[in-house]
Amino acid sequence: MKIRAGYEIAYDCVGPTPMLLVLNVHPSREPDLLSPDRLAFDPPVAATSYRDMFGNTCCRILAPEGRLTISNDFLVRDTGNADHQAPDAEQIPVELLPPETLVYLLGSRYCETDRLSDTAWSLFGGIRGGAARVQAICGYVHDRITFGYEYARPTKTAWEAYMERQGVCRDFAHLAVAFCRCMNIPARYCTGYLGDIGVPPADAPMDFSGWFDAYLGGRWYTFDARHNAPRIGRILMARGRDATDVAISTTFGSCRLAGFKVVTDEVAETVGA
């Protein structure tokens, strides 16, 4: 299938402001692009790209004083398959995990494993390790947290989401990631596009989405505590320890978000395409 994706995001800056942007698709999805994934700036600004330590494509700019609009509109090919499931995938003992996965066992800015460890073991310690344990975590988080954009808060952590029982997709992902790490399962936070493809359309503006990967049986598998069901059409943008590593923008100065629009729609295939 073909998916049209993109965004239009506007910032008002009090003065020239350095910014780091994580708004491109992840390098793993670049071969699927059917049109350029290119950031456009109004007014035009110089931009340089680099790969961060997690393999994400990042962009550096100096935003001018006043209004800056960042936009993109591209087509990407997708398999149309739902998230791969592996119910028998086993948990790998910590001593046998590949070194590059170990960072995803540690606590991080939004995933306080120290505060959630006792709770995690009391809830999931009796479940056989592996995919069954991760799925139990997703089910618990899905049931515990009530979703609502009015509950969004950029500083909210996994512990706070657990206590408040309210949040947005990033809060579902942070809590599930923290629980997995408490149970010695490497888990990394993911962000990207997830349109209403194969499900009834949501009565809310489109947004970027947050989910997570868990390392089981020698590879990474996608899980989504917010929806708690396999979904079609995920387009990965970035992954890291938590939302700190994959923020769509990090500003080094005073800026106000002045506009935000995201598009993720399936495009009808033409005959012979």
Protein backbone atom coordinates (compact mmCIF):
# COMPACT_ATOMS: atom_id res chain seq x y z
CA MET A 1 0.00 0.00 0.00
CA LYS A 2 0.95 3.67 -0.37
CA ILE A 3 0.77 6.10 2.53
CA ARG A 4 0.92 9.86 2.32
CA ALA A 5 2.60 11.36 5.39
CA GLY A 6 3.78 14.76 6.45
CA TYR A 7 3.31 17.71 8.76
CA GLU A 8 3.23 21.47 9.12
CA ILE A 9 4.69 22.78 12.38
CA ALA A 10 5.14 26.44 13.26
CA TYR A 11 7.24 28.04 15.99
CA ASP A 12 7.44 31.65 17.18
CA CYS A 13 10.97 32.42 18.39
CA VAL A 14 11.90 35.46 20.47
CA GLY A 15 15.33 35.60 18.86
CA PRO A 16 17.65 33.44 16.73
CA THR A 17 17.33 29.97 18.28
CA PRO A 18 19.40 26.81 17.64
CA MET A 19 17.15 23.77 17.15
CA LEU A 20 17.63 20.03 16.76
CA LEU A 21 14.88 18.35 14.73
CA VAL A 22 14.02 14.65 14.51
CA LEU A 23 11.41 14.81 11.76
CA ASN A 24 12.72 12.53 9.00
CA VAL A 25 11.71 8.90 8.62
CA HIS A 26 14.12 6.44 10.19
CA PRO A 27 16.93 5.25 7.88
CA SER A 28 15.43 1.74 7.97
CA ARG A 29 12.37 3.11 6.11
CA GLU A 30 14.25 5.18 3.54
CA PRO A 31 14.20 2.37 0.93
CA ASP A 32 10.38 2.51 1.08
CA LEU A 33 10.16 6.20 0.15
CA LEU A 34 8.33 6.93 -3.11
CA SER A 35 9.04 10.67 -2.98
CA PRO A 36 11.70 12.74 -1.18
CA ASP A 37 11.50 13.02 2.61
CA ARG A 38 12.70 16.61 2.68
CA LEU A 39 12.12 19.27 5.34
CA ALA A 40 10.96 22.64 3.98
CA PHE A 41 11.43 25.87 5.94
CA ASP A 42 9.54 29.15 5.64
CA PRO A 43 11.45 31.44 5.71
CA PRO A 44 14.35 29.40 4.24
CA VAL A 45 17.12 28.46 6.68
CA ALA A 46 20.36 26.51 6.34
CA ALA A 47 20.09 22.94 7.63
CA THR A 48 22.62 20.16 8.22
CA SER A 49 21.81 16.51 8.90
CA TYR A 50 23.61 13.91 10.99
CA ARG A 51 23.01 10.48 12.57
CA ASP A 52 22.76 10.39 16.34
CA MET A 53 24.05 7.63 18.62
CA PHE A 54 20.80 5.67 18.18
CA GLY A 55 20.94 5.76 14.37
CA ASN A 56 18.22 8.39 13.92
CA THR A 57 18.42 11.08 11.25
CA CYS A 58 18.60 14.51 12.91
CA CYS A 59 18.66 18.03 11.52
CA ARG A 60 20.36 21.17 12.93
CA ILE A 61 19.11 24.67 12.18
CA LEU A 62 19.31 28.19 13.54
CA ALA A 63 15.70 29.36 13.62
CA PRO A 64 15.33 33.08 12.94
CA GLU A 65 13.49 35.50 15.17
CA GLY A 66 9.74 35.41 14.54
CA ARG A 67 7.62 32.72 12.88
CA LEU A 68 9.26 29.63 11.37
CA THR A 69 7.15 27.00 9.61
CA ILE A 70 8.58 23.51 9.04
CA SER A 71 6.74 21.21 6.64
CA ASN A 72 7.04 17.97 4.73
CA ASP A 73 4.81 15.89 2.45
CA PHE A 74 5.92 12.54 1.04
CA LEU A 75 4.75 9.11 -0.09
CA VAL A 76 5.99 5.84 1.36
CA ARG A 77 5.38 2.23 0.39
CA ASP A 78 4.20 -0.11 3.17
CA THR A 79 3.61 -3.85 3.22
CA GLY A 80 0.09 -3.41 4.57
CA ASN A 81 0.83 -6.12 7.12
CA ALA A 82 0.00 -5.72 10.80
CA ASP A 83 2.77 -5.65 13.44
CA HIS A 84 4.58 -8.99 13.51
CA GLN A 85 3.60 -11.15 16.47
CA ALA A 86 5.76 -13.89 18.01
CA PRO A 87 3.86 -15.24 21.04
CA ASP A 88 6.54 -17.88 21.69
CA ALA A 89 9.52 -15.49 21.66
CA GLU A 90 11.58 -16.15 24.77
CA GLN A 91 13.20 -13.75 27.19
CA ILE A 92 17.01 -13.84 26.98
CA PRO A 93 18.93 -13.95 30.28
CA VAL A 94 20.75 -10.69 30.98
CA GLU A 95 24.16 -12.38 30.91
CA LEU A 96 23.50 -13.53 27.31
CA LEU A 97 22.12 -10.27 25.91
CA PRO A 98 24.11 -8.52 23.15
CA PRO A 99 26.06 -5.54 24.57
CA GLU A 100 24.19 -3.01 22.42
CA THR A 101 20.88 -3.92 24.10
CA LEU A 102 22.06 -3.33 27.67
CA VAL A 103 21.46 0.43 27.62
CA TYR A 104 17.76 -0.38 27.16
CA LEU A 105 17.69 -2.12 30.55
CA LEU A 106 18.66 1.04 32.40
CA GLY A 107 16.47 3.72 33.90
CA SER A 108 16.22 6.95 31.92
CA ARG A 109 14.75 10.46 32.16
CA TYR A 110 11.11 9.38 31.71
CA CYS A 111 11.37 5.70 32.72
CA GLU A 112 12.22 5.44 36.42
CA THR A 113 12.97 1.76 36.89
CA ASP A 114 14.02 2.35 40.51
CA ARG A 115 10.57 3.65 41.48
CA LEU A 116 8.66 0.99 39.55
CA SER A 117 10.73 -2.16 40.14
CA ASP A 118 8.85 -3.53 43.15
CA THR A 119 5.51 -2.88 41.46
CA ALA A 120 6.65 -4.56 38.26
CA TRP A 121 7.82 -7.72 40.01
CA SER A 122 4.65 -7.94 42.07
CA LEU A 123 2.51 -7.65 38.93
CA PHE A 124 4.50 -9.63 36.35
CA GLY A 125 6.97 -11.77 38.28
CA GLY A 126 4.70 -14.83 38.10
CA ILE A 127 4.32 -14.68 34.31
CA ARG A 128 6.61 -16.79 32.14
CA GLY A 129 9.28 -14.56 30.61
CA GLY A 130 9.17 -13.48 27.01
CA ALA A 131 6.37 -12.30 24.76
CA ALA A 132 3.70 -13.40 27.23
CA ARG A 133 5.21 -11.17 29.91
CA VAL A 134 5.50 -8.16 27.55
CA GLN A 135 1.93 -8.66 26.39
CA ALA A 136 0.77 -8.81 29.99
CA ILE A 137 2.55 -5.49 30.60
CA CYS A 138 0.84 -3.95 27.55
CA GLY A 139 -2.55 -5.18 28.73
CA TYR A 140 -2.03 -3.81 32.22
CA VAL A 141 -0.85 -0.39 31.01
CA HIS A 142 -3.66 -0.21 28.45
CA ASP A 143 -6.25 -0.84 31.15
CA ARG A 144 -4.67 1.37 33.81
CA ILE A 145 -4.19 4.60 31.84
CA THR A 146 -7.06 6.64 30.43
CA PHE A 147 -6.11 8.27 27.12
CA GLY A 148 -6.79 11.96 26.51
CA TYR A 149 -4.92 14.83 24.85
CA GLU A 150 -5.97 17.01 27.78
CA TYR A 151 -3.76 14.82 29.98
CA ALA A 152 -0.60 15.57 27.98
CA ARG A 153 2.30 17.10 29.88
CA PRO A 154 5.83 17.27 28.46
CA THR A 155 7.44 16.55 31.82
CA LYS A 156 5.26 13.55 32.77
CA THR A 157 7.25 10.42 33.64
CA ALA A 158 6.32 6.74 33.72
CA TRP A 159 5.92 6.88 37.50
CA GLU A 160 3.62 9.90 37.27
CA ALA A 161 1.55 8.25 34.54
CA TYR A 162 1.24 5.16 36.74
CA MET A 163 0.09 7.24 39.71
CA GLU A 164 -2.20 9.61 37.79
CA ARG A 165 -3.67 6.91 35.53
CA GLN A 166 -4.01 9.40 32.67
CA GLY A 167 -1.91 10.26 29.65
CA VAL A 168 -1.23 10.19 25.93
CA CYS A 169 0.51 7.57 23.80
CA ARG A 170 4.00 8.53 25.01
CA ASP A 171 2.90 7.93 28.62
CA PHE A 172 1.57 4.46 27.75
CA ALA A 173 4.89 3.69 26.03
CA HIS A 174 7.04 5.08 28.85
CA LEU A 175 5.26 3.04 31.51
CA ALA A 176 5.43 -0.16 29.44
CA VAL A 177 9.11 0.45 28.67
CA ALA A 178 9.88 1.01 32.36
CA PHE A 179 8.04 -2.17 33.40
CA CYS A 180 9.88 -4.22 30.74
CA ARG A 181 13.25 -2.93 31.92
CA CYS A 182 12.32 -3.71 35.52
CA MET A 183 11.67 -7.29 34.36
CA ASN A 184 15.11 -7.46 32.64
CA ILE A 185 13.67 -7.16 29.12
CA PRO A 186 15.42 -4.55 26.94
CA ALA A 187 12.87 -2.01 25.71
CA ARG A 188 13.30 1.10 23.56
CA TYR A 189 10.92 3.98 22.91
CA CYS A 190 9.75 4.57 19.30
CA THR A 191 8.01 7.46 17.60
CA GLY A 192 6.54 7.89 14.14
CA TYR A 193 3.39 8.00 12.08
CA LEU A 194 0.42 5.72 12.74
CA GLY A 195 -2.69 6.54 10.75
CA ASP A 196 -6.20 5.15 11.15
CA ILE A 197 -5.54 2.41 8.60
CA GLY A 198 -7.56 -0.77 9.05
CA VAL A 199 -9.38 0.68 12.08
CA PRO A 200 -12.31 3.08 12.50
CA PRO A 201 -11.06 6.68 12.19
CA ALA A 202 -10.53 8.49 15.47
CA ASP A 203 -12.54 11.63 16.14
CA ALA A 204 -9.44 13.69 16.92
CA PRO A 205 -6.70 15.53 14.99
CA MET A 206 -3.89 13.34 13.68
CA ASP A 207 -0.67 13.37 15.70
CA PHE A 208 2.64 11.55 15.79
CA SER A 209 2.47 8.30 17.76
CA GLY A 210 4.58 6.62 20.44
CA TRP A 211 5.10 2.87 20.88
CA PHE A 212 7.99 0.61 21.89
CA ASP A 213 10.20 -2.32 20.88
CA ALA A 214 11.11 -5.20 23.19
CA TYR A 215 14.14 -7.44 22.60
CA LEU A 216 13.07 -11.10 22.67
CA GLY A 217 14.47 -14.26 21.17
CA GLY A 218 17.37 -12.46 19.48
CA ARG A 219 15.47 -9.60 17.75
CA TRP A 220 13.30 -6.55 18.37
CA TYR A 221 9.50 -6.80 18.28
CA THR A 222 6.97 -3.95 18.15
CA PHE A 223 4.45 -3.52 20.97
CA ASP A 224 1.85 -0.81 21.53
CA ALA A 225 0.36 -0.39 25.00
CA ARG A 226 -1.83 2.52 23.86
CA HIS A 227 -3.80 0.48 21.30
CA ASN A 228 -2.91 -2.98 22.62
CA ALA A 229 -3.48 -4.58 19.21
CA PRO A 230 -1.38 -5.14 16.07
CA ARG A 231 -1.70 -2.16 13.71
CA ILE A 232 -1.09 -1.50 10.02
CA GLY A 233 1.00 1.30 8.54
CA ARG A 234 3.52 2.32 11.18
CA ILE A 235 6.20 4.59 9.76
CA LEU A 236 9.13 4.76 12.16
CA MET A 237 10.85 8.12 12.61
CA ALA A 238 13.16 7.54 15.57
CA ARG A 239 13.91 5.34 18.57
CA GLY A 240 15.89 5.76 21.75
CA ARG A 241 15.82 5.38 25.52
CA ASP A 242 12.70 7.52 25.92
CA ALA A 243 11.06 10.67 24.51
CA THR A 244 14.16 12.74 25.34
CA ASP A 245 16.10 10.99 22.56
CA VAL A 246 13.37 11.27 19.91
CA ALA A 247 11.79 14.69 20.55
CA ILE A 248 10.60 16.18 17.24
CA SER A 249 12.32 19.41 18.26
CA THR A 250 14.79 20.42 20.94
CA THR A 251 15.18 24.19 21.21
CA PHE A 252 18.04 26.09 22.81
CA GLY A 253 16.15 29.30 23.51
CA SER A 254 12.64 30.65 23.95
CA CYS A 255 10.16 29.34 21.36
CA ARG A 256 6.39 28.90 21.33
CA LEU A 257 4.59 26.20 19.33
CA ALA A 258 2.26 28.21 17.08
CA GLY A 259 0.85 25.53 14.77
CA PHE A 260 0.82 21.76 14.51
CA LYS A 261 -0.70 19.51 11.84
CA VAL A 262 0.17 15.89 10.97
CA VAL A 263 -1.10 13.88 7.98
CA THR A 264 -1.05 10.08 7.64
CA ASP A 265 -3.44 8.67 5.05
CA GLU A 266 -3.60 5.60 2.88
CA VAL A 267 -3.48 6.48 -0.82
CA ALA A 268 -5.69 4.53 -3.20
CA GLU A 269 -3.61 2.47 -5.61
CA THR A 270 -4.22 3.08 -9.32
CA VAL A 271 -4.61 0.14 -11.70
CA GLY A 272 -1.22 -1.14 -12.80
CA ALA A 273 0.62 0.68 -10.01
